Amino acid sequence: MSLPIKTGNLIHTTTKVIDRRAFFKKLCALSASLAIPAGCSQSGDSVSVDSATPDTVTPISSSPALSRQAFENTIDTVFSVTHQTYGIVDLQLKLVDSEVFIPEADQFVISLIGPDNPALQEDSYAVYNDNLGDFELYIQPGEASNGQQFYVAVFSLLNS
């Protein structure tokens, strides 16, 4: 199943062939600014290097385990997105789809659906789910139809 994604004025699907180098450049840029695990550590946690002891790596957050299985277990549940202007916007997880670019990472896309008004812009949001707790999620809007807005979020987690 391909999912529509809007980028600027263009709409394309997740089945589009993506240049690996460009994909990982964007992924590293995103993971540097977000609190989601994006394949930048073996455990999936965010890490910081202590400048006094450069060989020590210390986890800096206790993010929930945002694994493919965790999201598959929450299909059809509500994800409450906090927006500065609109307050809480509830989205429902509809699909967890595999996307494999490299064998060393567990890569997947989640698809969420919500009301078409207000439509959330591509950005990072504080999200709450009863099963996963609180976490930051970078979402991209997709197609809007029949009073509903579709969104996607992409994950790439290094395999242990």
Foldseek 3Di string as FASTA:
>chain_A
DWFWFDDPNDIDTPVDDDDPVVVVVVLVVVVVPFQFQAAPDQVSADWDADPVDRVDIDGDDDFFPPALVLLVVQAQFWKWWQDPPPGTWIKGWHDWAFDDDDPQKGKIKIKIKGFVPPDDAQDWTWIATPRRGTGIFGKGWGDDDPRMTMIMGIHIHGHD
